[in-house]
Structures are given as C-alpha cells and as structure tokens.
N, C-alpha and C. Protein backbone atom coordinates (compact mmCIF):
# COMPACT_ATOMS: atom_id res chain seq x y z
N MET A 1 -18.10 -34.30 -23.26
CA MET A 1 -17.95 -33.24 -22.53
C MET A 1 -18.65 -31.88 -22.22
N GLY A 2 -19.28 -31.51 -21.12
CA GLY A 2 -19.99 -30.22 -20.34
C GLY A 2 -19.93 -29.15 -21.64
N ARG A 3 -20.87 -28.17 -21.49
CA ARG A 3 -20.83 -26.90 -21.84
C ARG A 3 -19.79 -26.02 -21.06
N VAL A 4 -19.10 -25.03 -21.96
CA VAL A 4 -17.92 -24.53 -21.23
C VAL A 4 -18.55 -22.97 -20.82
N ARG A 5 -18.54 -22.78 -19.31
CA ARG A 5 -19.08 -21.63 -19.61
C ARG A 5 -18.20 -20.01 -19.51
N ARG A 6 -18.87 -19.18 -20.11
CA ARG A 6 -17.65 -18.17 -20.48
C ARG A 6 -18.19 -16.68 -19.79
N ARG A 7 -17.16 -16.34 -18.89
CA ARG A 7 -17.20 -15.26 -17.77
C ARG A 7 -17.06 -13.93 -18.53
N GLY A 8 -17.89 -12.84 -18.47
CA GLY A 8 -17.88 -11.72 -18.65
C GLY A 8 -16.38 -10.89 -18.06
N PRO A 9 -16.10 -9.58 -18.94
CA PRO A 9 -14.77 -8.93 -18.66
C PRO A 9 -14.89 -8.82 -17.16
N ALA A 10 -15.75 -8.32 -16.46
CA ALA A 10 -15.76 -7.93 -14.68
C ALA A 10 -15.56 -9.41 -14.23
N ALA A 11 -15.78 -10.19 -14.47
CA ALA A 11 -15.65 -11.48 -13.46
C ALA A 11 -14.44 -11.82 -13.83
N VAL A 12 -13.62 -11.71 -15.02
CA VAL A 12 -12.48 -12.09 -15.11
C VAL A 12 -11.49 -11.25 -14.57
N LEU A 13 -11.77 -9.79 -14.36
CA LEU A 13 -10.99 -9.05 -13.89
C LEU A 13 -10.90 -9.22 -12.40
N ALA A 14 -12.10 -9.85 -11.52
CA ALA A 14 -12.15 -9.55 -10.43
C ALA A 14 -11.11 -11.12 -9.95
N VAL A 15 -11.17 -12.15 -10.90
CA VAL A 15 -10.82 -13.31 -10.64
C VAL A 15 -9.13 -13.06 -10.36
N LEU A 16 -8.61 -12.20 -11.35
CA LEU A 16 -7.27 -11.94 -11.75
C LEU A 16 -6.68 -10.63 -10.48
N LEU A 17 -7.62 -10.01 -10.08
CA LEU A 17 -7.39 -9.00 -8.78
C LEU A 17 -7.16 -10.27 -7.65
N GLY A 18 -7.83 -10.89 -7.48
CA GLY A 18 -7.97 -11.68 -6.42
C GLY A 18 -6.67 -12.84 -6.38
N LEU A 19 -6.34 -13.12 -7.57
CA LEU A 19 -4.94 -14.24 -7.37
C LEU A 19 -4.20 -13.29 -7.41
N ALA A 20 -3.66 -11.94 -7.63
CA ALA A 20 -2.68 -10.84 -7.51
C ALA A 20 -2.50 -10.87 -6.18
N GLY A 21 -4.05 -10.41 -5.45
CA GLY A 21 -3.84 -10.22 -3.96
C GLY A 21 -3.31 -11.44 -3.12
N ALA A 22 -3.81 -12.35 -3.62
CA ALA A 22 -3.37 -13.88 -2.70
C ALA A 22 -1.60 -13.91 -2.89
N ALA A 23 -1.41 -13.67 -4.00
CA ALA A 23 0.00 -13.92 -4.39
C ALA A 23 1.02 -12.67 -3.47
N GLN A 24 0.33 -11.54 -3.71
CA GLN A 24 1.22 -10.10 -2.56
C GLN A 24 1.18 -10.67 -0.99
N SER A 25 -0.10 -11.34 -0.59
CA SER A 25 -0.15 -11.78 0.74
C SER A 25 0.89 -12.59 1.02
N ARG A 26 0.95 -13.49 0.25
CA ARG A 26 2.12 -14.97 0.57
C ARG A 26 3.42 -14.25 0.28
N ALA A 27 3.50 -13.64 -0.43
CA ALA A 27 5.06 -12.65 -0.77
C ALA A 27 5.79 -11.83 0.35
N THR A 28 4.69 -11.17 1.14
CA THR A 28 5.26 -10.16 1.89
C THR A 28 4.67 -10.36 3.18
N GLY A 29 3.74 -11.20 3.56
CA GLY A 29 3.05 -11.47 4.99
C GLY A 29 2.42 -10.16 5.72
N THR A 30 2.01 -10.30 6.65
CA THR A 30 1.50 -9.10 7.62
C THR A 30 2.31 -8.71 8.77
N ALA A 31 2.20 -7.63 8.76
CA ALA A 31 3.44 -7.17 9.66
C ALA A 31 2.73 -7.10 11.35
N ASP A 32 2.89 -7.51 12.25
CA ASP A 32 2.17 -7.15 13.51
C ASP A 32 2.74 -5.67 14.07
N PRO A 33 1.57 -5.15 13.92
CA PRO A 33 1.73 -3.59 14.50
C PRO A 33 2.36 -3.48 16.01
N SER A 34 2.30 -4.44 16.66
CA SER A 34 2.80 -4.40 18.08
C SER A 34 4.11 -4.93 18.43
N SER A 35 4.59 -5.08 16.98
CA SER A 35 6.36 -5.76 17.18
C SER A 35 7.35 -4.71 16.88
N PRO A 36 8.29 -4.74 17.34
CA PRO A 36 9.15 -3.67 17.39
C PRO A 36 9.80 -3.79 15.93
N THR A 37 9.37 -3.87 14.93
CA THR A 37 10.21 -4.17 13.42
C THR A 37 9.62 -2.77 12.43
N ARG A 38 10.51 -2.90 11.74
CA ARG A 38 10.30 -1.73 11.01
C ARG A 38 9.38 -2.00 9.80
N GLY A 39 8.76 -3.00 9.97
CA GLY A 39 7.50 -3.21 9.01
C GLY A 39 8.05 -4.46 7.51
N GLU A 40 8.87 -4.57 7.80
CA GLU A 40 9.43 -5.48 6.27
C GLU A 40 9.27 -6.87 6.92
N VAL A 41 8.11 -7.71 7.36
CA VAL A 41 7.98 -8.97 8.02
C VAL A 41 8.05 -9.74 6.88
N ALA A 42 9.15 -10.81 6.83
CA ALA A 42 9.21 -11.44 5.61
C ALA A 42 8.70 -13.43 5.71
N MET A 43 9.25 -13.35 6.95
CA MET A 43 8.96 -15.15 7.29
C MET A 43 8.34 -14.78 8.64
N SER A 44 8.26 -16.11 9.05
CA SER A 44 7.29 -16.06 10.53
C SER A 44 8.65 -16.78 11.53
N LEU A 45 9.33 -16.08 12.07
CA LEU A 45 10.57 -16.35 12.95
C LEU A 45 9.80 -17.09 14.05
N VAL A 46 10.11 -18.02 14.37
CA VAL A 46 9.70 -18.70 15.46
C VAL A 46 10.64 -19.64 16.49
N LEU A 47 10.62 -19.06 17.99
CA LEU A 47 11.34 -19.88 19.01
C LEU A 47 10.76 -21.06 19.76
N ARG A 48 11.33 -21.99 19.95
CA ARG A 48 10.91 -23.23 20.90
C ARG A 48 11.86 -23.94 21.52
N SER A 49 11.44 -24.55 22.60
CA SER A 49 12.61 -25.40 23.30
C SER A 49 12.01 -26.96 23.49
N SER A 50 12.62 -27.56 23.43
CA SER A 50 12.28 -28.88 23.56
C SER A 50 11.88 -29.13 25.36
N GLU A 51 11.97 -28.61 25.88
CA GLU A 51 11.68 -28.93 27.40
C GLU A 51 10.34 -28.22 28.12
N PHE A 52 10.15 -27.08 27.28
CA PHE A 52 8.98 -26.82 27.89
C PHE A 52 7.94 -26.11 26.45
N GLU A 53 6.62 -25.81 26.47
CA GLU A 53 6.01 -24.97 25.84
C GLU A 53 5.87 -23.94 26.04
N HIS A 54 5.18 -23.12 25.15
CA HIS A 54 5.05 -21.53 25.41
C HIS A 54 3.87 -21.87 26.53
N GLY A 55 3.99 -20.77 27.62
CA GLY A 55 3.16 -20.87 28.71
C GLY A 55 3.29 -21.74 29.44
N GLY A 56 4.18 -22.91 29.15
CA GLY A 56 4.29 -23.94 30.23
C GLY A 56 5.28 -23.88 31.33
N THR A 57 5.22 -24.81 32.19
CA THR A 57 6.51 -24.75 33.49
C THR A 57 7.67 -25.23 32.80
N ILE A 58 8.58 -24.15 33.18
CA ILE A 58 10.06 -24.28 32.97
C ILE A 58 10.51 -25.49 34.18
N PRO A 59 11.30 -26.43 33.56
CA PRO A 59 11.67 -27.72 34.72
C PRO A 59 12.53 -26.92 35.38
N ARG A 60 12.57 -27.44 36.69
CA ARG A 60 13.42 -27.35 37.66
C ARG A 60 14.92 -27.41 37.24
N ARG A 61 15.36 -28.10 36.60
CA ARG A 61 16.64 -28.09 36.15
C ARG A 61 17.53 -26.64 35.78
N PHE A 62 16.48 -25.89 35.19
CA PHE A 62 16.95 -24.83 34.62
C PHE A 62 16.75 -23.69 35.40
N THR A 63 16.57 -23.45 36.82
CA THR A 63 16.57 -22.86 37.75
C THR A 63 17.41 -23.06 38.90
N CYS A 64 17.27 -21.80 39.76
CA CYS A 64 18.26 -21.79 40.97
C CYS A 64 17.78 -22.86 41.77
N GLU A 65 16.53 -23.68 41.86
CA GLU A 65 16.78 -24.89 42.99
C GLU A 65 17.38 -26.28 41.91
N GLY A 66 17.40 -26.00 40.56
CA GLY A 66 18.18 -26.95 40.03
C GLY A 66 19.58 -26.79 39.33
N GLU A 67 20.16 -27.29 38.44
CA GLU A 67 21.33 -27.19 37.90
C GLU A 67 21.53 -25.77 37.87
N ASP A 68 20.90 -25.05 37.47
CA ASP A 68 20.47 -23.60 37.02
C ASP A 68 21.49 -23.04 35.56
N VAL A 69 21.14 -24.13 34.71
CA VAL A 69 21.69 -23.94 33.43
C VAL A 69 20.85 -23.89 32.48
N SER A 70 20.91 -23.22 31.24
CA SER A 70 20.06 -22.60 30.13
C SER A 70 19.63 -23.76 29.62
N PRO A 71 18.30 -23.61 29.24
CA PRO A 71 17.45 -24.85 28.63
C PRO A 71 17.67 -24.67 27.10
N PRO A 72 17.55 -25.66 26.46
CA PRO A 72 17.84 -25.84 25.04
C PRO A 72 16.80 -24.42 24.20
N LEU A 73 17.24 -24.00 23.16
CA LEU A 73 16.64 -23.34 22.41
C LEU A 73 16.92 -23.25 20.99
N ALA A 74 15.73 -23.29 19.95
CA ALA A 74 15.91 -23.69 18.56
C ALA A 74 14.90 -22.58 18.14
N TRP A 75 15.75 -21.94 16.80
CA TRP A 75 14.67 -21.15 16.08
C TRP A 75 14.58 -21.56 14.78
N SER A 76 13.75 -20.99 13.93
CA SER A 76 13.61 -21.12 12.50
C SER A 76 12.61 -19.82 12.10
N GLY A 77 12.62 -19.65 10.70
CA GLY A 77 11.85 -18.59 9.99
C GLY A 77 12.67 -17.37 10.00
N VAL A 78 14.19 -17.18 10.01
CA VAL A 78 14.72 -16.04 9.93
C VAL A 78 14.66 -15.29 8.99
N PRO A 79 14.29 -14.00 8.80
CA PRO A 79 13.99 -13.41 7.48
C PRO A 79 15.24 -13.30 6.76
N PRO A 80 14.93 -12.91 5.24
CA PRO A 80 16.18 -12.61 3.95
C PRO A 80 16.54 -11.28 5.02
N GLY A 81 17.86 -11.31 4.69
CA GLY A 81 18.61 -10.14 5.16
C GLY A 81 19.20 -9.93 6.76
N THR A 82 18.39 -10.84 7.39
CA THR A 82 19.25 -10.86 9.00
C THR A 82 20.88 -11.18 8.47
N LYS A 83 21.45 -10.29 9.41
CA LYS A 83 22.59 -10.17 9.84
C LYS A 83 23.34 -10.59 10.95
N ALA A 84 22.34 -10.64 11.68
CA ALA A 84 22.84 -11.16 13.45
C ALA A 84 21.29 -11.42 14.13
N LEU A 85 21.41 -11.91 15.34
CA LEU A 85 20.26 -12.31 15.96
C LEU A 85 20.72 -11.49 17.41
N ALA A 86 19.77 -11.40 18.33
CA ALA A 86 19.67 -11.12 19.63
C ALA A 86 18.83 -11.95 20.54
N LEU A 87 19.15 -11.89 21.78
CA LEU A 87 18.45 -12.90 22.80
C LEU A 87 18.43 -12.13 24.05
N ILE A 88 17.16 -12.01 24.51
CA ILE A 88 17.14 -11.29 25.79
C ILE A 88 15.95 -12.28 26.46
N VAL A 89 16.33 -12.68 27.82
CA VAL A 89 15.76 -13.35 28.67
C VAL A 89 15.20 -12.58 30.13
N ASP A 90 14.11 -12.19 30.44
CA ASP A 90 13.59 -11.60 31.31
C ASP A 90 12.28 -11.94 31.82
N ASP A 91 12.02 -11.32 33.09
CA ASP A 91 10.86 -11.46 34.09
C ASP A 91 10.59 -10.49 34.43
N PRO A 92 9.32 -9.98 34.26
CA PRO A 92 8.34 -8.61 34.31
C PRO A 92 7.99 -9.09 35.62
N ASP A 93 7.81 -9.67 36.48
CA ASP A 93 7.16 -10.06 37.53
C ASP A 93 7.94 -9.93 39.08
N ALA A 94 9.13 -9.32 38.75
CA ALA A 94 9.62 -9.38 39.93
C ALA A 94 9.42 -7.91 40.61
N PRO A 95 9.43 -8.29 42.02
CA PRO A 95 9.54 -9.39 42.86
C PRO A 95 8.38 -10.37 43.27
N ASP A 96 7.41 -9.80 42.90
CA ASP A 96 5.98 -10.67 43.44
C ASP A 96 4.90 -10.21 42.16
N PRO A 97 4.50 -11.59 41.29
CA PRO A 97 3.55 -11.04 40.54
C PRO A 97 2.16 -10.31 40.45
N ALA A 98 1.77 -10.10 41.80
CA ALA A 98 0.61 -9.26 42.45
C ALA A 98 1.22 -7.69 42.40
N HIS A 99 2.45 -7.88 42.60
CA HIS A 99 2.70 -6.16 42.66
C HIS A 99 4.27 -6.13 42.20
N PRO A 100 4.51 -6.49 40.70
CA PRO A 100 5.47 -6.04 40.30
C PRO A 100 6.24 -4.88 40.25
N ARG A 101 7.81 -4.68 40.60
CA ARG A 101 8.01 -3.30 40.31
C ARG A 101 9.16 -3.29 39.57
N GLN A 102 9.79 -4.49 39.03
CA GLN A 102 10.85 -4.22 38.24
C GLN A 102 11.03 -5.58 36.96
N THR A 103 11.76 -5.15 35.86
CA THR A 103 11.75 -6.49 35.11
C THR A 103 13.09 -7.07 35.22
N TRP A 104 13.53 -8.30 35.89
CA TRP A 104 14.88 -8.62 36.18
C TRP A 104 15.34 -9.37 34.85
N VAL A 105 16.43 -9.36 34.32
CA VAL A 105 17.19 -9.64 33.15
C VAL A 105 17.79 -10.76 33.49
N HIS A 106 17.51 -12.13 32.94
CA HIS A 106 18.33 -13.03 33.17
C HIS A 106 19.36 -13.57 32.04
N TRP A 107 19.37 -13.02 30.83
CA TRP A 107 20.54 -12.87 29.90
C TRP A 107 20.06 -12.51 28.77
N VAL A 108 21.43 -12.04 28.15
CA VAL A 108 21.39 -10.95 27.20
C VAL A 108 22.70 -11.85 26.06
N LEU A 109 22.26 -11.83 24.92
CA LEU A 109 23.23 -12.30 23.84
C LEU A 109 22.85 -11.56 22.68
N TYR A 110 23.90 -11.18 21.79
CA TYR A 110 23.65 -10.59 20.91
C TYR A 110 24.82 -10.61 19.55
N ASP A 111 24.55 -10.35 18.04
CA ASP A 111 25.37 -10.58 17.36
C ASP A 111 25.64 -12.19 17.03
N VAL A 112 24.83 -13.17 17.42
CA VAL A 112 24.69 -14.16 17.30
C VAL A 112 24.50 -14.39 15.37
N PRO A 113 25.12 -15.31 14.94
CA PRO A 113 25.28 -15.32 13.48
C PRO A 113 24.29 -15.81 12.71
N PRO A 114 23.41 -15.32 11.75
CA PRO A 114 22.20 -15.78 11.39
C PRO A 114 21.98 -17.28 10.61
N ALA A 115 23.55 -17.96 10.45
CA ALA A 115 23.14 -19.05 10.21
C ALA A 115 23.05 -20.29 11.48
N ALA A 116 23.13 -19.38 12.62
CA ALA A 116 22.84 -20.45 14.11
C ALA A 116 21.56 -20.78 13.97
N SER A 117 20.97 -21.76 14.46
CA SER A 117 19.81 -22.12 14.48
C SER A 117 19.10 -22.81 15.98
N VAL A 118 20.36 -23.16 16.87
CA VAL A 118 20.06 -23.62 18.07
C VAL A 118 21.06 -22.89 19.12
N LEU A 119 20.70 -23.10 20.44
CA LEU A 119 21.38 -23.23 21.74
C LEU A 119 21.30 -24.49 22.43
N PRO A 120 22.26 -25.06 22.58
CA PRO A 120 21.90 -26.52 23.48
C PRO A 120 21.77 -26.49 24.68
N THR A 121 21.52 -27.60 25.46
CA THR A 121 21.43 -27.10 27.24
C THR A 121 22.77 -26.61 27.45
N ALA A 122 22.59 -26.12 28.65
CA ALA A 122 23.94 -25.73 29.50
C ALA A 122 24.90 -24.85 28.72
N MET A 123 24.28 -24.06 27.77
CA MET A 123 25.00 -23.11 27.16
C MET A 123 26.20 -22.36 27.96
N LYS A 124 27.60 -22.52 27.38
CA LYS A 124 28.51 -22.11 27.99
C LYS A 124 29.25 -20.96 27.21
N ALA A 125 30.05 -19.95 27.70
CA ALA A 125 30.79 -18.73 26.78
C ALA A 125 31.51 -19.35 25.75
N SER A 126 32.29 -20.26 25.98
CA SER A 126 33.08 -21.23 25.30
C SER A 126 32.62 -21.64 23.89
N ALA A 127 31.20 -21.90 24.24
CA ALA A 127 30.68 -22.65 23.03
C ALA A 127 29.51 -21.93 22.27
N LEU A 128 29.51 -20.91 22.66
CA LEU A 128 28.11 -19.83 22.19
C LEU A 128 28.98 -20.07 20.44
N PRO A 129 27.94 -19.90 19.33
CA PRO A 129 28.30 -19.65 18.06
C PRO A 129 29.45 -18.69 17.47
N PRO A 130 30.39 -18.77 16.90
CA PRO A 130 31.36 -17.83 16.46
C PRO A 130 30.75 -16.41 16.42
N GLY A 131 31.23 -15.23 16.94
CA GLY A 131 30.59 -13.79 16.97
C GLY A 131 30.13 -13.79 17.54
N THR A 132 29.31 -14.29 18.63
CA THR A 132 28.22 -14.08 19.50
C THR A 132 28.91 -13.33 20.62
N ARG A 133 28.12 -12.18 21.16
CA ARG A 133 28.71 -11.39 22.12
C ARG A 133 27.91 -11.27 23.44
N GLU A 134 28.26 -11.28 24.70
CA GLU A 134 27.48 -11.51 25.70
C GLU A 134 27.21 -10.18 26.36
N GLY A 135 25.85 -9.61 27.04
CA GLY A 135 25.73 -8.88 27.65
C GLY A 135 25.51 -9.21 28.83
N VAL A 136 25.35 -8.15 30.14
CA VAL A 136 25.16 -8.49 31.50
C VAL A 136 23.71 -8.53 31.96
N ASN A 137 23.35 -9.60 32.83
CA ASN A 137 22.21 -9.78 33.55
C ASN A 137 22.09 -9.01 34.48
N ASP A 138 20.89 -9.04 35.51
CA ASP A 138 20.54 -8.12 36.88
C ASP A 138 21.44 -8.42 37.58
N TRP A 139 22.48 -9.71 37.76
CA TRP A 139 23.12 -9.99 38.61
C TRP A 139 24.47 -9.33 38.41
N GLY A 140 24.57 -8.75 37.50
CA GLY A 140 26.12 -8.04 37.03
C GLY A 140 26.70 -8.73 36.32
N ARG A 141 26.71 -10.00 35.66
CA ARG A 141 27.43 -10.76 35.12
C ARG A 141 27.00 -11.50 33.90
N THR A 142 27.84 -11.70 32.79
CA THR A 142 27.49 -12.67 31.96
C THR A 142 26.99 -13.99 32.18
N GLY A 143 26.02 -14.13 30.69
CA GLY A 143 25.70 -15.57 31.34
C GLY A 143 24.60 -15.71 31.84
N TYR A 144 23.70 -17.03 31.19
CA TYR A 144 22.61 -17.27 32.09
C TYR A 144 22.17 -17.56 33.36
N GLY A 145 21.32 -16.97 33.95
CA GLY A 145 20.75 -17.32 35.56
C GLY A 145 19.34 -17.45 35.41
N GLY A 146 19.12 -18.53 35.89
CA GLY A 146 17.65 -19.16 35.76
C GLY A 146 16.79 -18.78 37.09
N PRO A 147 15.67 -19.12 36.38
CA PRO A 147 14.18 -18.01 37.45
C PRO A 147 14.73 -18.75 38.91
N CYS A 148 14.31 -17.73 39.58
CA CYS A 148 14.71 -18.09 41.11
C CYS A 148 13.66 -16.80 41.81
N PRO A 149 12.48 -17.16 41.61
CA PRO A 149 11.33 -16.33 42.06
C PRO A 149 11.40 -16.19 43.65
N PRO A 150 11.17 -15.23 44.35
CA PRO A 150 11.36 -15.41 45.79
C PRO A 150 9.77 -15.52 46.19
N ILE A 151 8.63 -14.76 45.42
CA ILE A 151 7.41 -14.97 45.83
C ILE A 151 6.40 -15.58 44.33
N GLY A 152 5.75 -16.34 44.78
CA GLY A 152 4.34 -16.56 43.67
C GLY A 152 5.01 -17.26 42.09
N ARG A 153 4.52 -17.35 41.13
CA ARG A 153 4.73 -17.76 40.05
C ARG A 153 4.94 -16.80 38.81
N HIS A 154 6.06 -16.88 38.65
CA HIS A 154 6.52 -15.94 37.41
C HIS A 154 6.77 -16.24 36.02
N ARG A 155 6.49 -15.24 34.91
CA ARG A 155 6.96 -15.48 33.75
C ARG A 155 8.24 -15.11 33.22
N TYR A 156 8.76 -16.04 32.42
CA TYR A 156 10.04 -15.53 32.03
C TYR A 156 10.07 -15.69 30.48
N TYR A 157 10.38 -14.60 29.96
CA TYR A 157 10.40 -14.20 28.20
C TYR A 157 11.43 -14.31 27.36
N PHE A 158 11.45 -15.69 26.41
CA PHE A 158 12.79 -15.67 25.92
C PHE A 158 12.72 -14.72 24.48
N LYS A 159 13.53 -13.57 24.38
CA LYS A 159 12.95 -12.88 23.13
C LYS A 159 13.99 -12.70 22.07
N LEU A 160 13.76 -13.43 20.96
CA LEU A 160 14.72 -13.63 19.84
C LEU A 160 14.42 -12.32 18.94
N TYR A 161 15.61 -11.73 18.31
CA TYR A 161 15.41 -10.75 17.39
C TYR A 161 16.19 -10.75 16.32
N ALA A 162 15.81 -10.52 15.03
CA ALA A 162 16.40 -10.66 13.58
C ALA A 162 16.62 -9.56 13.15
N LEU A 163 18.08 -9.05 12.93
CA LEU A 163 18.88 -7.61 13.10
C LEU A 163 19.46 -7.64 11.58
N ASP A 164 19.32 -6.49 10.91
CA ASP A 164 19.79 -6.19 9.74
C ASP A 164 20.94 -5.94 9.36
N ALA A 165 21.81 -5.92 11.11
CA ALA A 165 23.31 -5.65 10.86
C ALA A 165 24.00 -6.31 12.42
N PRO A 166 25.24 -6.54 12.11
CA PRO A 166 25.89 -6.78 13.63
C PRO A 166 25.96 -5.45 14.32
N LEU A 167 25.77 -5.53 15.57
CA LEU A 167 25.94 -4.26 16.38
C LEU A 167 27.29 -3.93 16.99
N GLY A 168 28.54 -5.03 17.18
CA GLY A 168 29.86 -4.78 17.30
C GLY A 168 30.07 -4.64 18.79
N ASP A 169 31.08 -4.44 19.13
CA ASP A 169 31.35 -4.48 20.65
C ASP A 169 30.78 -3.37 21.14
N LEU A 170 29.52 -3.80 22.19
CA LEU A 170 29.08 -2.95 23.08
C LEU A 170 29.38 -2.87 24.72
N HIS A 171 30.66 -3.29 24.77
CA HIS A 171 31.36 -3.55 25.96
C HIS A 171 30.37 -4.11 27.14
N ARG A 172 29.96 -5.07 26.60
CA ARG A 172 29.13 -5.93 27.81
C ARG A 172 27.78 -5.27 27.99
N PRO A 173 26.93 -4.69 27.51
CA PRO A 173 25.58 -3.69 27.23
C PRO A 173 24.64 -4.44 28.24
N THR A 174 24.01 -3.79 29.09
CA THR A 174 22.90 -4.03 29.82
C THR A 174 21.38 -4.63 28.84
N LYS A 175 20.68 -4.99 29.35
CA LYS A 175 19.21 -5.00 28.24
C LYS A 175 19.05 -3.76 27.64
N ALA A 176 18.89 -2.77 28.43
CA ALA A 176 18.45 -1.19 27.98
C ALA A 176 19.22 -0.87 27.02
N GLN A 177 20.76 -1.22 27.56
CA GLN A 177 21.60 -0.54 26.32
C GLN A 177 21.73 -1.39 24.85
N LEU A 178 21.52 -2.70 25.03
CA LEU A 178 21.37 -3.47 23.72
C LEU A 178 20.06 -2.80 23.03
N GLU A 179 18.89 -2.91 23.71
CA GLU A 179 17.68 -2.29 23.18
C GLU A 179 17.90 -1.17 22.44
N GLN A 180 18.25 -0.07 22.98
CA GLN A 180 18.64 1.00 22.41
C GLN A 180 19.72 0.90 21.26
N ALA A 181 20.72 0.03 21.28
CA ALA A 181 21.37 0.13 20.07
C ALA A 181 20.81 -0.93 18.95
N MET A 182 19.58 -1.52 19.22
CA MET A 182 19.24 -2.09 18.31
C MET A 182 17.92 -1.50 17.64
N GLN A 183 17.54 -0.37 17.89
CA GLN A 183 16.54 0.88 17.69
C GLN A 183 16.83 0.83 15.94
N GLY A 184 15.87 0.57 15.34
CA GLY A 184 16.02 0.84 13.46
C GLY A 184 16.59 -0.28 12.84
N HIS A 185 17.06 -1.49 13.53
CA HIS A 185 17.65 -2.80 12.93
C HIS A 185 16.80 -4.17 12.91
N VAL A 186 15.31 -4.15 13.85
CA VAL A 186 15.02 -5.05 13.59
C VAL A 186 13.96 -5.47 12.89
N LEU A 187 14.41 -6.69 12.03
CA LEU A 187 13.75 -7.00 10.85
C LEU A 187 12.41 -7.82 11.21
N ALA A 188 12.61 -8.55 12.59
CA ALA A 188 11.38 -9.71 12.98
C ALA A 188 11.69 -10.09 14.43
N HIS A 189 10.66 -10.67 15.13
CA HIS A 189 10.84 -10.41 16.47
C HIS A 189 10.00 -11.50 17.11
N THR A 190 10.39 -12.36 17.90
CA THR A 190 9.53 -13.51 18.62
C THR A 190 9.54 -13.91 20.02
N GLU A 191 8.63 -14.45 20.70
CA GLU A 191 9.06 -14.65 22.03
C GLU A 191 8.46 -16.18 22.12
N LEU A 192 8.95 -16.62 23.59
CA LEU A 192 8.48 -17.80 24.16
C LEU A 192 8.72 -17.66 25.47
N MET A 193 7.43 -17.73 25.90
CA MET A 193 7.47 -17.69 27.56
C MET A 193 7.20 -19.09 28.43
N GLY A 194 7.51 -19.05 29.34
CA GLY A 194 7.84 -19.96 30.41
C GLY A 194 7.44 -19.85 32.16
N THR A 195 7.13 -20.32 32.91
CA THR A 195 6.50 -19.95 33.99
C THR A 195 7.33 -20.83 34.88
N TYR A 196 7.68 -20.52 36.43
CA TYR A 196 8.08 -21.09 37.14
C TYR A 196 7.64 -20.34 38.66
N GLN A 197 7.77 -21.22 39.44
CA GLN A 197 7.25 -21.11 41.09
C GLN A 197 7.97 -21.95 41.95
N LYS A 198 8.63 -21.43 42.84
CA LYS A 198 9.63 -22.50 44.08
C LYS A 198 8.60 -23.45 44.51
N GLN A 199 9.74 -24.67 44.22
CA GLN A 199 9.05 -25.59 44.94
C GLN A 199 9.19 -25.96 46.34
N ARG A 200 10.08 -24.88 47.18
CA ARG A 200 10.10 -25.09 48.35
C ARG A 200 10.02 -23.68 49.09
C-alpha cells in the first residue's frame, strides 16, 4: 500500500465547504433573472414538440395554409408545488417582422392540471385535460389559431408557465388578463419557438 497523505485542517475545511456548496447548487438550481418567476426555481421546466425544434420551421399542417390544427406539445420538469399550468402562444412580429406593431395571440390555456404532460396534435376543447380552461386569442375566439403571417418569416412562441395555484374561472380571459392573474404565482417558465413564412 502507498503512504496515506494527511491533510491539514484548512484543506479539510475547504473540501467540506466545496461539497456543501455543490450539494446546495444541485438542490436549488439557479434562477434565471430574466424569468418572470418568484425565484423558487427547483427543476428545469422544458417544452418540446415532436414536429419542430426550437428555432425551426413549423410544418405547414399547423398553419392557415394547412389544416390549421395545433402541433403536439410535451413537457417535463414541472417543479414541486405546481398546482396548475398555463400556455400562451403568440407572435411578436405582426404584421411585418421588419416593422412589428403588435404581438398577435394564437392560443390561451390555463388551469391545465400539473399531472398532464402532453397536448396531442389537433387538440380540441372537448379533449383538453380535465379542469383546463380557455382564454381568447386575437381572433376573438377560444382554441388554437395557426400561423398566418401576411409578410415575411414570423416567430411563434409557445410559453408554458408552472403556477402555485389554479386561477379559477376568469371568464375567457385575453392574454393580458391571464398574465395579470398569474402575477405572483409563477414558479417556472419555459418557451419553445418556431418560425413560419407563407409558401404562397
């Protein structure tokens, strides 16, 4: 056997402090200062679609030039203490990415149960997870409205929020009304962004 090297008290203390710091970092995570959370980031909330990657092109099927149905969505990493989820889909490039004047809202859902982890393709109101409520999009109706950019290539953000409480009946809220109701309740937030430009 080789000789056992003995460490001095200072070296032992440094090792112990390093281990403690690493354990705390793994347990709590690091809050993103730009995220509209209260700072209690516990897990990494992730939103994906099997039909397009983050920053990729949304397939025509999910737009006004196709079937205009919602794409499949799946998520993981819902933090402990989550009592409801909310989903907002919007386009910040309307009407022209070179000269945007408004953010066009395509889909608003809230009070999605935290046990849910998917929204399948072509989601209908009757098939939403039990307890899910709908808000109105900028066409003035509930449900999904696909990309239909008049000019250029637009970005479409699918935004998922983990909330510490269900919001109850907000009477078909707009995006702005839902965001106001969510204030102080967001535990975590993630985004999936896809792009689309009309093919004709």
